[in-house]
Amino acid sequence: MKIFFDCDYTILGLDDTLRPGTLEIFQRLKDDSHEVFLWSGMGERWEVVEKHKLEKFLSGVYAKPTNHFHEKLAELKVPFEPDFVIDDYPEIVAAFGGVWVPPYFFKRASDQEMERVYRIVSDFAASGTSPDKQYRAKGTVLPLF
């Protein structure tokens, strides 16, 4: 699968740390024959890739659409639609399908979200769905709060 991770507040905190488990999960996904991509609403985040030595895990880095998600892919030169998205922004996860994660702001050893992401991706790869409440199927209608 082509798995797209958001950058800011998904894998990267305000304090410029990587969310705990990010490198390990990227490696596990790659070992499972998935392609891992990084994208951001702030554009191509090569400085993050270089600083945190993510190059060996990634198959590409792109700007992320922040609205009209499907329609903007071509404009942003994203050559294909993601198969699965991990993001702290629930609307894009609902549009493409994937995992909504709570925003990551500062390093906390207790943060286990990446392990949860891996379980959900594994569920989805095996069965096309996941029972986890943070999983969103493609085209999900978000509840109004």
C-alpha atoms as a PDB file:
ATOM      1  CA  MET A   1       0.000   0.000   0.000  1.00  0.00           C
ATOM      2  CA  LYS A   2       0.963   3.619  -0.490  1.00  0.00           C
ATOM      3  CA  ILE A   3       0.774   5.014   3.035  1.00  0.00           C
ATOM      4  CA  PHE A   4       0.903   8.788   3.537  1.00  0.00           C
ATOM      5  CA  PHE A   5       1.896  10.279   6.884  1.00  0.00           C
ATOM      6  CA  ASP A   6       1.253  13.901   7.696  1.00  0.00           C
ATOM      7  CA  CYS A   7       4.185  15.800   9.129  1.00  0.00           C
ATOM      8  CA  ASP A   8       3.182  18.513  11.608  1.00  0.00           C
ATOM      9  CA  TYR A   9       1.450  17.277  14.769  1.00  0.00           C
ATOM     10  CA  THR A  10       1.234  13.739  13.360  1.00  0.00           C
ATOM     11  CA  ILE A  11       4.880  12.656  13.390  1.00  0.00           C
ATOM     12  CA  LEU A  12       6.537  15.992  14.264  1.00  0.00           C
ATOM     13  CA  GLY A  13       5.877  17.962  17.440  1.00  0.00           C
ATOM     14  CA  LEU A  14       6.081  21.688  18.117  1.00  0.00           C
ATOM     15  CA  ASP A  15       9.345  20.935  19.916  1.00  0.00           C
ATOM     16  CA  ASP A  16      10.748  19.451  16.650  1.00  0.00           C
ATOM     17  CA  THR A  17      10.831  15.912  18.071  1.00  0.00           C
ATOM     18  CA  LEU A  18       9.544  12.868  16.253  1.00  0.00           C
ATOM     19  CA  ARG A  19       6.570  11.143  17.798  1.00  0.00           C
ATOM     20  CA  PRO A  20       7.824   8.088  19.741  1.00  0.00           C
ATOM     21  CA  GLY A  21       7.940   4.977  17.583  1.00  0.00           C
ATOM     22  CA  THR A  22       7.973   6.797  14.231  1.00  0.00           C
ATOM     23  CA  LEU A  23      11.268   5.376  12.961  1.00  0.00           C
ATOM     24  CA  GLU A  24      10.400   1.872  14.103  1.00  0.00           C
ATOM     25  CA  ILE A  25       6.955   1.939  12.490  1.00  0.00           C
ATOM     26  CA  PHE A  26       8.341   3.336   9.237  1.00  0.00           C
ATOM     27  CA  GLN A  27      10.819   0.445   9.144  1.00  0.00           C
ATOM     28  CA  ARG A  28       8.165  -2.152   9.971  1.00  0.00           C
ATOM     29  CA  LEU A  29       5.852  -0.823   7.258  1.00  0.00           C
ATOM     30  CA  LYS A  30       8.696  -0.878   4.752  1.00  0.00           C
ATOM     31  CA  ASP A  31       9.595  -4.436   5.839  1.00  0.00           C
ATOM     32  CA  ASP A  32       5.930  -5.356   5.222  1.00  0.00           C
ATOM     33  CA  SER A  33       6.375  -4.135   1.599  1.00  0.00           C
ATOM     34  CA  HIS A  34       4.389  -0.922   2.019  1.00  0.00           C
ATOM     35  CA  GLU A  35       5.553   2.357   0.518  1.00  0.00           C
ATOM     36  CA  VAL A  36       5.768   5.180   3.058  1.00  0.00           C
ATOM     37  CA  PHE A  37       5.315   8.814   2.005  1.00  0.00           C
ATOM     38  CA  LEU A  38       5.475  12.080   3.913  1.00  0.00           C
ATOM     39  CA  TRP A  39       3.290  15.045   3.069  1.00  0.00           C
ATOM     40  CA  SER A  40       2.432  18.335   4.668  1.00  0.00           C
ATOM     41  CA  GLY A  41       0.040  21.219   4.225  1.00  0.00           C
ATOM     42  CA  MET A  42       3.169  23.389   4.611  1.00  0.00           C
ATOM     43  CA  GLY A  43       4.686  21.975   1.405  1.00  0.00           C
ATOM     44  CA  GLU A  44       7.424  19.420   0.824  1.00  0.00           C
ATOM     45  CA  ARG A  45       9.179  19.104   4.178  1.00  0.00           C
ATOM     46  CA  TRP A  46      12.648  18.012   3.070  1.00  0.00           C
ATOM     47  CA  GLU A  47      14.240  19.788   6.055  1.00  0.00           C
ATOM     48  CA  VAL A  48      12.349  17.433   8.387  1.00  0.00           C
ATOM     49  CA  VAL A  49      13.336  14.412   6.308  1.00  0.00           C
ATOM     50  CA  GLU A  50      17.011  15.394   6.423  1.00  0.00           C
ATOM     51  CA  LYS A  51      17.134  16.459  10.081  1.00  0.00           C
ATOM     52  CA  HIS A  52      15.493  13.260  11.320  1.00  0.00           C
ATOM     53  CA  LYS A  53      17.198  10.983   8.770  1.00  0.00           C
ATOM     54  CA  LEU A  54      13.959   9.688   7.244  1.00  0.00           C
ATOM     55  CA  GLU A  55      15.280   9.278   3.676  1.00  0.00           C
ATOM     56  CA  LYS A  56      15.827   5.528   3.907  1.00  0.00           C
ATOM     57  CA  PHE A  57      12.199   4.939   4.892  1.00  0.00           C
ATOM     58  CA  LEU A  58      10.396   7.167   2.406  1.00  0.00           C
ATOM     59  CA  SER A  59       9.299   6.595  -1.179  1.00  0.00           C
ATOM     60  CA  GLY A  60       8.411  10.274  -1.664  1.00  0.00           C
ATOM     61  CA  VAL A  61       7.718  13.658  -0.097  1.00  0.00           C
ATOM     62  CA  TYR A  62       4.823  15.865  -1.236  1.00  0.00           C
ATOM     63  CA  ALA A  63       2.753  18.894  -0.431  1.00  0.00           C
ATOM     64  CA  LYS A  64      -0.595  17.857   1.052  1.00  0.00           C
ATOM     65  CA  PRO A  65      -3.948  19.217  -0.074  1.00  0.00           C
ATOM     66  CA  THR A  66      -5.717  21.093   2.704  1.00  0.00           C
ATOM     67  CA  ASN A  67      -9.109  21.197   0.955  1.00  0.00           C
ATOM     68  CA  HIS A  68     -10.726  19.617  -2.116  1.00  0.00           C
ATOM     69  CA  PHE A  69      -8.427  16.720  -1.300  1.00  0.00           C
ATOM     70  CA  HIS A  70      -8.909  14.501  -4.354  1.00  0.00           C
ATOM     71  CA  GLU A  71      -9.091  17.355  -6.831  1.00  0.00           C
ATOM     72  CA  LYS A  72      -5.869  19.018  -5.596  1.00  0.00           C
ATOM     73  CA  LEU A  73      -3.628  15.957  -5.939  1.00  0.00           C
ATOM     74  CA  ALA A  74      -2.738  16.683  -9.568  1.00  0.00           C
ATOM     75  CA  GLU A  75      -2.187  20.389  -8.871  1.00  0.00           C
ATOM     76  CA  LEU A  76       0.246  19.469  -6.079  1.00  0.00           C
ATOM     77  CA  LYS A  77       1.958  16.915  -8.357  1.00  0.00           C
ATOM     78  CA  VAL A  78       1.034  13.934  -6.190  1.00  0.00           C
ATOM     79  CA  PRO A  79       1.155  11.225  -8.891  1.00  0.00           C
ATOM     80  CA  PHE A  80      -1.402   8.861  -7.318  1.00  0.00           C
ATOM     81  CA  GLU A  81      -4.078   8.714  -4.676  1.00  0.00           C
ATOM     82  CA  PRO A  82      -2.960   7.467  -1.262  1.00  0.00           C
ATOM     83  CA  ASP A  83      -4.158   4.010  -0.263  1.00  0.00           C
ATOM     84  CA  PHE A  84      -4.044   4.941   3.410  1.00  0.00           C
ATOM     85  CA  VAL A  85      -3.505   8.211   5.324  1.00  0.00           C
ATOM     86  CA  ILE A  86      -2.311   8.892   8.868  1.00  0.00           C
ATOM     87  CA  ASP A  87      -3.111  12.447  10.005  1.00  0.00           C
ATOM     88  CA  ASP A  88      -4.239  14.579  12.927  1.00  0.00           C
ATOM     89  CA  TYR A  89      -6.696  16.308  10.571  1.00  0.00           C
ATOM     90  CA  PRO A  90      -9.816  14.097  10.511  1.00  0.00           C
ATOM     91  CA  GLU A  91     -11.254  15.437   7.240  1.00  0.00           C
ATOM     92  CA  ILE A  92      -8.373  14.224   5.077  1.00  0.00           C
ATOM     93  CA  VAL A  93      -8.429  10.838   6.801  1.00  0.00           C
ATOM     94  CA  ALA A  94     -12.153  10.563   6.065  1.00  0.00           C
ATOM     95  CA  ALA A  95     -11.578  11.538   2.425  1.00  0.00           C
ATOM     96  CA  PHE A  96      -8.861   8.951   1.676  1.00  0.00           C
ATOM     97  CA  GLY A  97      -9.323   6.435   4.483  1.00  0.00           C
ATOM     98  CA  GLY A  98      -6.836   5.714   7.213  1.00  0.00           C
ATOM     99  CA  VAL A  99      -6.102   6.596  10.818  1.00  0.00           C
ATOM    100  CA  TRP A 100      -6.881   9.765  12.703  1.00  0.00           C
ATOM    101  CA  VAL A 101      -4.305  10.370  15.447  1.00  0.00           C
ATOM    102  CA  PRO A 102      -4.494  12.890  18.267  1.00  0.00           C
ATOM    103  CA  PRO A 103      -2.144  15.824  17.628  1.00  0.00           C
ATOM    104  CA  TYR A 104       1.411  15.370  18.855  1.00  0.00           C
ATOM    105  CA  PHE A 105       2.880  18.556  20.347  1.00  0.00           C
ATOM    106  CA  PHE A 106       5.673  17.582  22.736  1.00  0.00           C
ATOM    107  CA  LYS A 107       7.758  14.517  23.479  1.00  0.00           C
ATOM    108  CA  ARG A 108       5.966  12.174  25.878  1.00  0.00           C
ATOM    109  CA  ALA A 109       7.288   8.709  26.565  1.00  0.00           C
ATOM    110  CA  SER A 110       3.722   7.527  27.167  1.00  0.00           C
ATOM    111  CA  ASP A 111       2.639   8.267  23.568  1.00  0.00           C
ATOM    112  CA  GLN A 112       1.848   4.903  21.935  1.00  0.00           C
ATOM    113  CA  GLU A 113       0.009   6.167  18.850  1.00  0.00           C
ATOM    114  CA  MET A 114       2.487   4.775  16.333  1.00  0.00           C
ATOM    115  CA  GLU A 115       2.047   1.272  17.681  1.00  0.00           C
ATOM    116  CA  ARG A 116      -1.705   1.734  17.345  1.00  0.00           C
ATOM    117  CA  VAL A 117      -1.218   3.029  13.779  1.00  0.00           C
ATOM    118  CA  TYR A 118       0.741  -0.094  12.906  1.00  0.00           C
ATOM    119  CA  ARG A 119      -2.000  -2.375  14.283  1.00  0.00           C
ATOM    120  CA  ILE A 120      -4.658  -0.524  12.281  1.00  0.00           C
ATOM    121  CA  VAL A 121      -2.599  -0.615   9.066  1.00  0.00           C
ATOM    122  CA  SER A 122      -2.009  -4.339   9.594  1.00  0.00           C
ATOM    123  CA  ASP A 123      -5.739  -4.932  10.179  1.00  0.00           C
ATOM    124  CA  PHE A 124      -6.581  -2.991   7.023  1.00  0.00           C
ATOM    125  CA  ALA A 125      -3.946  -4.758   4.915  1.00  0.00           C
ATOM    126  CA  ALA A 126      -5.310  -8.142   6.023  1.00  0.00           C
ATOM    127  CA  SER A 127      -9.050  -7.489   5.876  1.00  0.00           C
ATOM    128  CA  GLY A 128      -9.801  -4.105   4.299  1.00  0.00           C
ATOM    129  CA  THR A 129     -11.004  -2.640   7.610  1.00  0.00           C
ATOM    130  CA  SER A 130     -10.135  -2.271  11.297  1.00  0.00           C
ATOM    131  CA  PRO A 131     -12.284  -2.407  14.428  1.00  0.00           C
ATOM    132  CA  ASP A 132     -10.251   0.408  16.013  1.00  0.00           C
ATOM    133  CA  LYS A 133     -12.305   3.569  16.609  1.00  0.00           C
ATOM    134  CA  GLN A 134      -9.534   5.731  15.108  1.00  0.00           C
ATOM    135  CA  TYR A 135      -9.823   3.976  11.736  1.00  0.00           C
ATOM    136  CA  ARG A 136     -11.848   5.789   9.086  1.00  0.00           C
ATOM    137  CA  ALA A 137     -12.996   4.123   5.876  1.00  0.00           C
ATOM    138  CA  LYS A 138     -12.545   6.072   2.659  1.00  0.00           C
ATOM    139  CA  GLY A 139     -15.416   8.518   2.141  1.00  0.00           C
ATOM    140  CA  THR A 140     -16.499   8.384   5.790  1.00  0.00           C
ATOM    141  CA  VAL A 141     -18.982  11.019   6.843  1.00  0.00           C
ATOM    142  CA  LEU A 142     -17.671  12.649   9.978  1.00  0.00           C
ATOM    143  CA  PRO A 143     -20.071  13.076  12.889  1.00  0.00           C
ATOM    144  CA  LEU A 144     -21.143  16.606  13.737  1.00  0.00           C
ATOM    145  CA  PHE A 145     -20.278  17.546  17.307  1.00  0.00           C
END
